[in-house]
Amino acid sequence: WQAMVRADIDAIRSICETMGVRDMYPLLAAMLTARPFDEILDKAGRRSPSDSVTVSAEGDAAMLRGYAEKYAVEIADMLDAVPRPMLLLFKTNDCLRHIDTALGRPRDAAGAAGKEAAGAVRRH
């Protein structure tokens, strides 16, 4: 999570390598955050803000559906390759996003979960 929050590409790549999906690190990061990898880089200031594109909630949902269709095979390969506990993390993130949306308070659930995970790592 810390690597995701900091958009530390080398750390993300290294962690993905330990999970057996080294070359899929952009896809893994995008799946965990439900954001395009370019946007993850934007939030970390790794790209110019002028490169960013503002998208409406409807446009955002359509974009994510499009990515899911475009990368369906790669997503299936990723889900087959990652350690089984990662599947629980993917599902937890999905459930958190759906709960937030159902409550009318869409937020950055992945970011909140990341903060909590980083805090747990620091405490232990």
Foldseek 3Di string as FASTA:
>chain_A
DVCQQLVVVVVLLVVCVVQVRNVCSQVLSCLLQVHHSVVSCVNNVVDDPVPDDDDDPVRSVVVSVVVCVVCVVVVVVVCVRGPPVVVVSSVVSVVVQVVCVVVVHRDRSSVVVVVVVVVVVVVD
